[in-house]
């Protein structure tokens, strides 16, 4: 099923879309309106399908988008959201990366790809790949993973990463 809700964060509107069955299968969001959100939903559905996850796009009301919003604004800790995630379609490595990041890097903190790689005995490139494929943004705070000399990349947009970090009180880079 899919549930879509919008929320205000200061002057910005965030629209959060949640794909779920018994647990959350995927999350996407937009600060740029419904058309961009639909593009993100299509990308998420395609990604999940490629990973063998069957999704039902029947709209259902759910409190799950509000859960993501409450995590975003700091009312709920990210790690408290882990229990709602299905982890369907993720590899064991990705699941380990997502759980470690979510439990170890708290709101208002950042970690480099290299530091997270050392923690997991992996490579920065593998960590970057896992971050790019994260189907649970905001709950799994991939926006908190930065390059050693700049903010790093972010799907869907680098300015989204800046805004998410600013909400958490992290001073962001200009690059």
N, C-alpha and C. Protein backbone atom coordinates (compact mmCIF):
# COMPACT_ATOMS: atom_id res chain seq x y z
N UNK A 1 0.83 -1.16 0.00
CA UNK A 1 0.00 0.00 0.00
C UNK A 1 0.88 1.24 0.00
N UNK A 2 0.27 2.38 -0.29
CA UNK A 2 1.00 3.64 -0.28
C UNK A 2 0.20 4.65 0.53
N UNK A 3 0.93 5.43 1.30
CA UNK A 3 0.34 6.52 2.07
C UNK A 3 1.18 7.76 1.83
N UNK A 4 0.52 8.86 1.53
CA UNK A 4 1.21 10.11 1.22
C UNK A 4 0.63 11.21 2.10
N UNK A 5 1.52 11.93 2.77
CA UNK A 5 1.07 13.06 3.62
C UNK A 5 2.08 14.19 3.51
N UNK A 6 1.59 15.39 3.69
CA UNK A 6 2.48 16.55 3.67
C UNK A 6 2.54 17.18 5.06
N UNK A 7 3.70 17.80 5.33
CA UNK A 7 3.98 18.42 6.62
C UNK A 7 4.75 19.71 6.37
N UNK A 8 4.68 20.61 7.33
CA UNK A 8 5.45 21.86 7.25
C UNK A 8 6.68 21.76 8.13
N UNK A 9 7.79 22.23 7.59
CA UNK A 9 9.02 22.39 8.36
C UNK A 9 9.46 23.81 8.10
N UNK A 10 9.16 24.70 9.04
CA UNK A 10 9.44 26.11 8.82
C UNK A 10 8.67 26.60 7.61
N UNK A 11 9.38 27.16 6.64
CA UNK A 11 8.77 27.68 5.42
C UNK A 11 8.58 26.60 4.35
N UNK A 12 9.15 25.44 4.56
CA UNK A 12 9.11 24.39 3.54
C UNK A 12 8.02 23.37 3.82
N UNK A 13 7.48 22.85 2.71
CA UNK A 13 6.56 21.73 2.80
C UNK A 13 7.33 20.48 2.38
N UNK A 14 7.18 19.42 3.16
CA UNK A 14 7.73 18.13 2.78
C UNK A 14 6.56 17.19 2.56
N UNK A 15 6.59 16.49 1.43
CA UNK A 15 5.58 15.47 1.14
C UNK A 15 6.29 14.12 1.28
N UNK A 16 5.76 13.29 2.14
CA UNK A 16 6.37 11.99 2.42
C UNK A 16 5.46 10.89 1.88
N UNK A 17 6.06 9.99 1.10
CA UNK A 17 5.33 8.83 0.57
C UNK A 17 5.93 7.58 1.17
N UNK A 18 5.05 6.70 1.59
CA UNK A 18 5.45 5.47 2.28
C UNK A 18 4.87 4.28 1.56
N UNK A 19 5.71 3.35 1.14
CA UNK A 19 5.25 2.07 0.61
C UNK A 19 5.34 1.07 1.75
N UNK A 20 4.25 0.34 1.98
CA UNK A 20 4.25 -0.57 3.13
C UNK A 20 3.33 -1.75 2.88
N UNK A 21 3.60 -2.80 3.61
CA UNK A 21 2.72 -3.96 3.69
C UNK A 21 2.55 -4.14 5.20
N UNK A 22 3.13 -5.17 5.77
CA UNK A 22 3.11 -5.29 7.23
C UNK A 22 4.10 -4.30 7.85
N UNK A 23 5.19 -4.03 7.13
CA UNK A 23 6.21 -3.07 7.56
C UNK A 23 6.53 -2.15 6.39
N UNK A 24 7.35 -1.14 6.65
CA UNK A 24 7.74 -0.18 5.62
C UNK A 24 8.64 -0.86 4.60
N UNK A 25 8.24 -0.77 3.33
CA UNK A 25 9.04 -1.32 2.23
C UNK A 25 9.94 -0.25 1.62
N UNK A 26 9.51 0.99 1.66
CA UNK A 26 10.30 2.07 1.11
C UNK A 26 9.70 3.42 1.44
N UNK A 27 10.57 4.43 1.45
CA UNK A 27 10.18 5.80 1.78
C UNK A 27 10.76 6.70 0.71
N UNK A 28 10.00 7.69 0.31
CA UNK A 28 10.54 8.76 -0.50
C UNK A 28 9.87 10.05 -0.09
N UNK A 29 10.45 11.16 -0.51
CA UNK A 29 9.90 12.45 -0.09
C UNK A 29 10.29 13.52 -1.10
N UNK A 30 9.61 14.67 -0.99
CA UNK A 30 9.89 15.79 -1.87
C UNK A 30 9.70 17.10 -1.12
N UNK A 31 10.61 18.01 -1.39
CA UNK A 31 10.44 19.41 -0.97
C UNK A 31 10.01 20.24 -2.18
N UNK A 32 9.85 19.58 -3.34
CA UNK A 32 9.59 20.26 -4.61
C UNK A 32 8.24 19.91 -5.21
N UNK A 33 7.27 19.57 -4.39
CA UNK A 33 5.92 19.36 -4.88
C UNK A 33 5.61 17.93 -5.31
N UNK A 34 4.35 17.78 -5.73
CA UNK A 34 3.81 16.45 -6.03
C UNK A 34 4.36 15.83 -7.30
N UNK A 35 4.65 16.64 -8.32
CA UNK A 35 5.17 16.08 -9.56
C UNK A 35 6.53 15.41 -9.31
N UNK A 36 7.40 16.10 -8.59
CA UNK A 36 8.71 15.52 -8.27
C UNK A 36 8.53 14.30 -7.38
N UNK A 37 7.60 14.37 -6.45
CA UNK A 37 7.33 13.21 -5.59
C UNK A 37 6.93 12.00 -6.43
N UNK A 38 6.09 12.21 -7.43
CA UNK A 38 5.66 11.09 -8.27
C UNK A 38 6.85 10.47 -8.99
N UNK A 39 7.78 11.29 -9.44
CA UNK A 39 9.01 10.77 -10.07
C UNK A 39 9.79 9.91 -9.07
N UNK A 40 9.86 10.36 -7.84
CA UNK A 40 10.59 9.62 -6.80
C UNK A 40 9.86 8.32 -6.46
N UNK A 41 8.53 8.36 -6.41
CA UNK A 41 7.76 7.14 -6.14
C UNK A 41 8.02 6.12 -7.26
N UNK A 42 7.97 6.57 -8.51
CA UNK A 42 8.22 5.68 -9.64
C UNK A 42 9.62 5.06 -9.54
N UNK A 43 10.61 5.87 -9.19
CA UNK A 43 11.97 5.36 -9.05
C UNK A 43 12.05 4.33 -7.92
N UNK A 44 11.40 4.61 -6.80
CA UNK A 44 11.41 3.68 -5.66
C UNK A 44 10.72 2.37 -6.01
N UNK A 45 9.57 2.46 -6.67
CA UNK A 45 8.84 1.25 -7.07
C UNK A 45 9.71 0.41 -8.01
N UNK A 46 10.36 1.06 -8.96
CA UNK A 46 11.25 0.35 -9.88
C UNK A 46 12.42 -0.31 -9.17
N UNK A 47 13.02 0.43 -8.25
CA UNK A 47 14.14 -0.11 -7.46
C UNK A 47 13.69 -1.34 -6.67
N UNK A 48 12.56 -1.22 -5.98
CA UNK A 48 12.07 -2.35 -5.17
C UNK A 48 11.72 -3.55 -6.06
N UNK A 49 11.11 -3.30 -7.22
CA UNK A 49 10.77 -4.38 -8.14
C UNK A 49 12.04 -5.11 -8.60
N UNK A 50 13.09 -4.33 -8.90
CA UNK A 50 14.36 -4.94 -9.31
C UNK A 50 14.98 -5.78 -8.20
N UNK A 51 14.61 -5.49 -6.97
CA UNK A 51 15.11 -6.23 -5.82
C UNK A 51 14.15 -7.35 -5.40
N UNK A 52 13.09 -7.57 -6.20
CA UNK A 52 12.17 -8.66 -5.93
C UNK A 52 11.10 -8.36 -4.90
N UNK A 53 10.92 -7.09 -4.58
CA UNK A 53 9.91 -6.68 -3.59
C UNK A 53 8.62 -6.33 -4.32
N UNK A 54 7.55 -7.00 -3.97
CA UNK A 54 6.25 -6.71 -4.57
C UNK A 54 5.56 -5.63 -3.75
N UNK A 55 5.14 -4.57 -4.46
CA UNK A 55 4.45 -3.47 -3.78
C UNK A 55 3.04 -3.33 -4.33
N UNK A 56 2.16 -2.88 -3.48
CA UNK A 56 0.78 -2.61 -3.83
C UNK A 56 0.62 -1.10 -3.75
N UNK A 57 0.22 -0.47 -4.85
CA UNK A 57 0.09 0.99 -4.88
C UNK A 57 -1.31 1.49 -4.54
N UNK A 58 -2.09 0.63 -3.90
CA UNK A 58 -3.41 1.06 -3.42
C UNK A 58 -3.19 2.05 -2.27
N UNK A 59 -3.85 3.20 -2.38
CA UNK A 59 -3.67 4.22 -1.34
C UNK A 59 -4.41 3.82 -0.07
N UNK A 60 -3.72 3.94 1.05
CA UNK A 60 -4.28 3.66 2.37
C UNK A 60 -3.81 4.73 3.33
N UNK A 61 -4.68 5.12 4.23
CA UNK A 61 -4.27 6.04 5.27
C UNK A 61 -3.38 5.31 6.25
N UNK A 62 -2.34 5.96 6.70
CA UNK A 62 -1.40 5.35 7.63
C UNK A 62 -0.73 6.44 8.44
N UNK A 63 -0.32 6.09 9.63
CA UNK A 63 0.44 7.01 10.47
C UNK A 63 1.94 6.92 10.20
N UNK A 64 2.34 6.04 9.27
CA UNK A 64 3.76 5.87 9.00
C UNK A 64 4.43 7.14 8.45
N UNK A 65 3.81 7.91 7.54
CA UNK A 65 4.46 9.17 7.15
C UNK A 65 4.68 10.11 8.33
N UNK A 66 3.76 10.14 9.28
CA UNK A 66 3.92 10.97 10.48
C UNK A 66 5.10 10.48 11.33
N UNK A 67 5.32 9.17 11.36
CA UNK A 67 6.48 8.62 12.06
C UNK A 67 7.77 9.18 11.47
N UNK A 68 7.86 9.18 10.14
CA UNK A 68 9.05 9.70 9.47
C UNK A 68 9.21 11.19 9.77
N UNK A 69 8.12 11.93 9.72
CA UNK A 69 8.16 13.36 10.04
C UNK A 69 8.65 13.59 11.47
N UNK A 70 8.14 12.81 12.42
CA UNK A 70 8.56 12.98 13.82
C UNK A 70 10.03 12.64 14.01
N UNK A 71 10.53 11.68 13.24
CA UNK A 71 11.97 11.38 13.28
C UNK A 71 12.73 12.56 12.69
N UNK A 72 12.24 13.10 11.58
CA UNK A 72 12.90 14.23 10.93
C UNK A 72 13.03 15.43 11.85
N UNK A 73 11.99 15.73 12.62
CA UNK A 73 12.04 16.91 13.49
C UNK A 73 12.60 16.62 14.88
N UNK A 74 12.98 15.38 15.11
CA UNK A 74 13.64 15.03 16.37
C UNK A 74 12.74 14.62 17.51
N UNK A 75 11.46 14.39 17.26
CA UNK A 75 10.56 13.94 18.32
C UNK A 75 10.76 12.46 18.64
N UNK A 76 11.21 11.70 17.64
CA UNK A 76 11.47 10.27 17.79
C UNK A 76 12.89 10.01 17.30
N UNK A 77 13.62 9.15 18.00
CA UNK A 77 14.99 8.80 17.59
C UNK A 77 14.96 7.91 16.34
N UNK A 78 15.93 8.10 15.48
CA UNK A 78 16.02 7.28 14.26
C UNK A 78 15.99 5.80 14.58
N UNK A 79 16.77 5.39 15.58
CA UNK A 79 16.86 3.95 15.86
C UNK A 79 15.52 3.37 16.31
N UNK A 80 14.63 4.20 16.83
CA UNK A 80 13.29 3.71 17.20
C UNK A 80 12.44 3.41 15.97
N UNK A 81 12.84 3.93 14.82
CA UNK A 81 12.13 3.65 13.58
C UNK A 81 12.55 2.36 12.91
N UNK A 82 13.69 1.79 13.32
CA UNK A 82 14.19 0.58 12.67
C UNK A 82 13.19 -0.58 12.72
N UNK A 83 12.47 -0.70 13.83
CA UNK A 83 11.54 -1.83 13.98
C UNK A 83 10.41 -1.81 12.96
N UNK A 84 10.18 -0.65 12.31
CA UNK A 84 9.10 -0.53 11.34
C UNK A 84 9.54 -0.90 9.92
N UNK A 85 10.84 -1.13 9.71
CA UNK A 85 11.38 -1.38 8.38
C UNK A 85 11.36 -2.86 8.04
N UNK A 86 10.98 -3.19 6.82
CA UNK A 86 10.92 -4.60 6.40
C UNK A 86 12.29 -5.15 6.02
N UNK A 87 13.17 -4.31 5.52
CA UNK A 87 14.48 -4.70 4.98
C UNK A 87 14.35 -5.67 3.82
N UNK A 88 13.14 -5.78 3.23
CA UNK A 88 12.94 -6.60 2.02
C UNK A 88 13.81 -6.05 0.90
N UNK A 89 14.48 -6.92 0.20
CA UNK A 89 15.26 -6.50 -0.96
C UNK A 89 16.63 -5.93 -0.63
N UNK A 90 16.95 -5.79 0.64
CA UNK A 90 18.30 -5.32 0.98
C UNK A 90 19.20 -6.53 1.17
N UNK A 91 20.47 -6.34 0.87
CA UNK A 91 21.44 -7.40 1.08
C UNK A 91 21.81 -7.44 2.56
N UNK A 92 22.40 -8.53 3.04
CA UNK A 92 22.87 -8.55 4.43
C UNK A 92 23.85 -7.41 4.73
N UNK A 93 24.72 -7.10 3.76
CA UNK A 93 25.67 -6.00 3.95
C UNK A 93 24.93 -4.67 4.10
N UNK A 94 23.98 -4.40 3.20
CA UNK A 94 23.23 -3.15 3.27
C UNK A 94 22.49 -3.04 4.60
N UNK A 95 21.85 -4.11 5.02
CA UNK A 95 21.12 -4.09 6.29
C UNK A 95 22.07 -3.76 7.44
N UNK A 96 23.25 -4.35 7.43
CA UNK A 96 24.24 -4.08 8.49
C UNK A 96 24.68 -2.61 8.45
N UNK A 97 24.90 -2.08 7.25
CA UNK A 97 25.28 -0.66 7.11
C UNK A 97 24.17 0.23 7.65
N UNK A 98 22.94 -0.04 7.23
CA UNK A 98 21.80 0.81 7.64
C UNK A 98 21.59 0.76 9.15
N UNK A 99 21.66 -0.42 9.73
CA UNK A 99 21.47 -0.53 11.18
C UNK A 99 22.60 0.13 11.94
N UNK A 100 23.84 -0.07 11.51
CA UNK A 100 24.98 0.54 12.19
C UNK A 100 24.91 2.05 12.12
N UNK A 101 24.67 2.59 10.94
CA UNK A 101 24.56 4.04 10.78
C UNK A 101 23.46 4.60 11.68
N UNK A 102 22.31 3.98 11.67
CA UNK A 102 21.16 4.48 12.41
C UNK A 102 21.39 4.43 13.92
N UNK A 103 22.07 3.41 14.39
CA UNK A 103 22.31 3.27 15.83
C UNK A 103 23.50 4.08 16.32
N UNK A 104 24.51 4.27 15.48
CA UNK A 104 25.76 4.89 15.93
C UNK A 104 25.87 6.39 15.66
N UNK A 105 25.22 6.88 14.62
CA UNK A 105 25.37 8.30 14.26
C UNK A 105 24.06 9.01 14.60
N UNK A 106 24.12 9.78 15.66
CA UNK A 106 22.92 10.41 16.22
C UNK A 106 22.60 11.73 15.52
N UNK A 107 21.42 12.19 15.75
CA UNK A 107 20.94 13.48 15.24
C UNK A 107 21.96 14.57 15.55
N UNK A 108 22.27 15.38 14.56
CA UNK A 108 23.23 16.47 14.74
C UNK A 108 24.67 16.06 14.53
N UNK A 109 24.92 14.79 14.25
CA UNK A 109 26.28 14.31 13.99
C UNK A 109 26.40 13.89 12.53
N UNK A 110 27.65 13.85 12.05
CA UNK A 110 27.93 13.30 10.73
C UNK A 110 29.09 12.33 10.87
N UNK A 111 29.24 11.48 9.86
CA UNK A 111 30.34 10.53 9.78
C UNK A 111 30.77 10.49 8.32
N UNK A 112 32.06 10.29 8.07
CA UNK A 112 32.50 10.20 6.69
C UNK A 112 32.28 8.79 6.17
N UNK A 113 32.26 8.68 4.85
CA UNK A 113 32.16 7.37 4.22
C UNK A 113 33.30 6.48 4.72
N UNK A 114 34.49 7.05 4.80
CA UNK A 114 35.66 6.30 5.26
C UNK A 114 35.54 5.83 6.70
N UNK A 115 35.06 6.69 7.59
CA UNK A 115 34.90 6.31 9.00
C UNK A 115 33.88 5.18 9.15
N UNK A 116 32.77 5.29 8.42
CA UNK A 116 31.76 4.24 8.49
C UNK A 116 32.31 2.95 7.89
N UNK A 117 33.10 3.07 6.83
CA UNK A 117 33.72 1.89 6.21
C UNK A 117 34.65 1.19 7.20
N UNK A 118 35.46 1.96 7.92
CA UNK A 118 36.36 1.36 8.93
C UNK A 118 35.56 0.64 10.00
N UNK A 119 34.50 1.26 10.45
CA UNK A 119 33.65 0.67 11.48
C UNK A 119 33.11 -0.69 11.04
N UNK A 120 32.83 -0.81 9.74
CA UNK A 120 32.21 -2.02 9.20
C UNK A 120 33.21 -2.91 8.45
N UNK A 121 34.49 -2.55 8.51
CA UNK A 121 35.55 -3.29 7.79
C UNK A 121 35.18 -3.45 6.32
N UNK A 122 34.91 -2.32 5.71
CA UNK A 122 34.50 -2.29 4.31
C UNK A 122 35.28 -1.19 3.60
N UNK A 123 34.79 -0.77 2.45
CA UNK A 123 35.43 0.33 1.70
C UNK A 123 34.47 1.52 1.63
N UNK A 124 35.02 2.73 1.53
CA UNK A 124 34.16 3.91 1.37
C UNK A 124 33.25 3.80 0.16
N UNK A 125 33.73 3.21 -0.94
CA UNK A 125 32.92 3.06 -2.14
C UNK A 125 31.71 2.16 -1.88
N UNK A 126 31.93 1.06 -1.14
CA UNK A 126 30.81 0.16 -0.80
C UNK A 126 29.79 0.88 0.08
N UNK A 127 30.28 1.69 1.00
CA UNK A 127 29.37 2.46 1.87
C UNK A 127 28.57 3.45 1.01
N UNK A 128 29.25 4.14 0.10
CA UNK A 128 28.56 5.08 -0.78
C UNK A 128 27.49 4.40 -1.61
N UNK A 129 27.77 3.20 -2.10
CA UNK A 129 26.78 2.45 -2.87
C UNK A 129 25.57 2.10 -2.02
N UNK A 130 25.82 1.67 -0.79
CA UNK A 130 24.70 1.34 0.11
C UNK A 130 23.87 2.59 0.42
N UNK A 131 24.54 3.73 0.60
CA UNK A 131 23.80 4.97 0.87
C UNK A 131 22.93 5.34 -0.33
N UNK A 132 23.48 5.19 -1.53
CA UNK A 132 22.73 5.53 -2.74
C UNK A 132 21.49 4.65 -2.89
N UNK A 133 21.59 3.41 -2.43
CA UNK A 133 20.47 2.46 -2.58
C UNK A 133 19.52 2.44 -1.38
N UNK A 134 19.74 3.27 -0.37
CA UNK A 134 18.93 3.28 0.84
C UNK A 134 17.45 3.51 0.54
N UNK A 135 16.60 2.51 0.75
CA UNK A 135 15.17 2.70 0.49
C UNK A 135 14.42 3.34 1.66
N UNK A 136 15.13 3.70 2.72
CA UNK A 136 14.49 4.22 3.93
C UNK A 136 15.07 5.57 4.36
N UNK A 137 15.19 6.55 3.44
CA UNK A 137 15.78 7.82 3.86
C UNK A 137 15.02 8.43 5.02
N UNK A 138 15.70 9.22 5.77
CA UNK A 138 15.29 9.90 6.99
C UNK A 138 15.34 8.92 8.16
N UNK A 139 14.63 7.79 8.12
CA UNK A 139 14.76 6.83 9.22
C UNK A 139 16.20 6.32 9.25
N UNK A 140 16.69 5.81 8.13
CA UNK A 140 18.11 5.45 8.00
C UNK A 140 18.77 6.72 7.48
N UNK A 141 19.50 7.43 8.34
CA UNK A 141 19.94 8.80 8.03
C UNK A 141 21.17 8.87 7.12
N UNK A 142 21.01 8.44 5.88
CA UNK A 142 22.13 8.46 4.94
C UNK A 142 22.61 9.89 4.69
N UNK A 143 21.78 10.88 4.97
CA UNK A 143 22.20 12.28 4.83
C UNK A 143 23.30 12.64 5.81
N UNK A 144 23.51 11.85 6.85
CA UNK A 144 24.56 12.11 7.84
C UNK A 144 25.92 11.57 7.41
N UNK A 145 25.98 10.91 6.28
CA UNK A 145 27.25 10.37 5.78
C UNK A 145 27.80 11.36 4.75
N UNK A 146 28.99 11.87 5.03
CA UNK A 146 29.59 12.92 4.20
C UNK A 146 30.96 12.49 3.70
N UNK A 147 31.45 13.19 2.69
CA UNK A 147 32.81 12.95 2.21
C UNK A 147 33.78 13.61 3.20
N UNK A 148 35.04 13.26 3.10
CA UNK A 148 36.02 13.82 4.04
C UNK A 148 36.25 15.31 3.82
N UNK A 149 35.97 15.81 2.60
CA UNK A 149 36.25 17.22 2.32
C UNK A 149 35.04 18.01 1.82
N UNK A 150 33.87 17.38 1.76
CA UNK A 150 32.66 18.11 1.35
C UNK A 150 31.43 17.34 1.81
N UNK A 151 30.28 17.87 1.48
CA UNK A 151 29.03 17.28 1.95
C UNK A 151 28.74 15.92 1.32
N UNK A 152 29.30 15.66 0.15
CA UNK A 152 29.04 14.39 -0.52
C UNK A 152 27.75 14.43 -1.31
N UNK A 153 27.44 13.34 -1.97
CA UNK A 153 26.25 13.27 -2.81
C UNK A 153 25.03 12.85 -2.01
N UNK A 154 23.87 12.98 -2.66
CA UNK A 154 22.62 12.58 -2.02
C UNK A 154 21.56 12.39 -3.08
N UNK A 155 20.84 11.29 -2.96
CA UNK A 155 19.72 11.04 -3.86
C UNK A 155 18.46 11.42 -3.09
N UNK A 156 17.64 12.34 -3.56
CA UNK A 156 17.54 12.81 -4.92
C UNK A 156 18.33 14.08 -5.24
N UNK A 157 18.59 14.95 -4.26
CA UNK A 157 19.26 16.22 -4.54
C UNK A 157 20.18 16.59 -3.39
N UNK A 158 21.33 17.16 -3.73
CA UNK A 158 22.29 17.57 -2.71
C UNK A 158 21.70 18.65 -1.78
N UNK A 159 20.85 19.53 -2.33
CA UNK A 159 20.25 20.57 -1.47
C UNK A 159 19.30 19.96 -0.44
N UNK A 160 18.72 18.81 -0.73
CA UNK A 160 17.91 18.12 0.28
C UNK A 160 18.79 17.68 1.45
N UNK A 161 19.98 17.19 1.13
CA UNK A 161 20.91 16.76 2.17
C UNK A 161 21.29 17.95 3.06
N UNK A 162 21.60 19.07 2.43
CA UNK A 162 21.93 20.27 3.20
C UNK A 162 20.80 20.64 4.15
N UNK A 163 19.57 20.64 3.62
CA UNK A 163 18.42 21.03 4.44
C UNK A 163 18.21 20.05 5.59
N UNK A 164 18.30 18.76 5.33
CA UNK A 164 18.12 17.76 6.39
C UNK A 164 19.18 17.94 7.48
N UNK A 165 20.41 18.20 7.09
CA UNK A 165 21.47 18.43 8.09
C UNK A 165 21.23 19.72 8.87
N UNK A 166 20.79 20.76 8.18
CA UNK A 166 20.50 22.03 8.86
C UNK A 166 19.38 21.86 9.88
N UNK A 167 18.34 21.08 9.54
CA UNK A 167 17.24 20.82 10.48
C UNK A 167 17.81 20.20 11.76
N UNK A 168 18.83 19.36 11.61
CA UNK A 168 19.43 18.66 12.74
C UNK A 168 20.49 19.50 13.46
N UNK A 169 20.77 20.71 12.93
CA UNK A 169 21.72 21.58 13.59
C UNK A 169 23.16 21.40 13.14
N UNK A 170 23.37 20.70 12.03
CA UNK A 170 24.72 20.50 11.51
C UNK A 170 25.02 21.65 10.57
N UNK A 171 26.16 22.29 10.78
CA UNK A 171 26.60 23.35 9.86
C UNK A 171 27.06 22.67 8.58
N UNK A 172 26.51 23.08 7.44
CA UNK A 172 26.82 22.40 6.19
C UNK A 172 27.87 23.15 5.39
N UNK A 173 28.40 22.45 4.42
CA UNK A 173 29.45 22.97 3.55
C UNK A 173 28.85 23.80 2.44
N UNK A 174 29.66 24.61 1.80
CA UNK A 174 29.20 25.41 0.67
C UNK A 174 29.34 24.68 -0.65
N UNK A 175 30.14 23.61 -0.70
CA UNK A 175 30.35 22.90 -1.98
C UNK A 175 29.24 21.91 -2.24
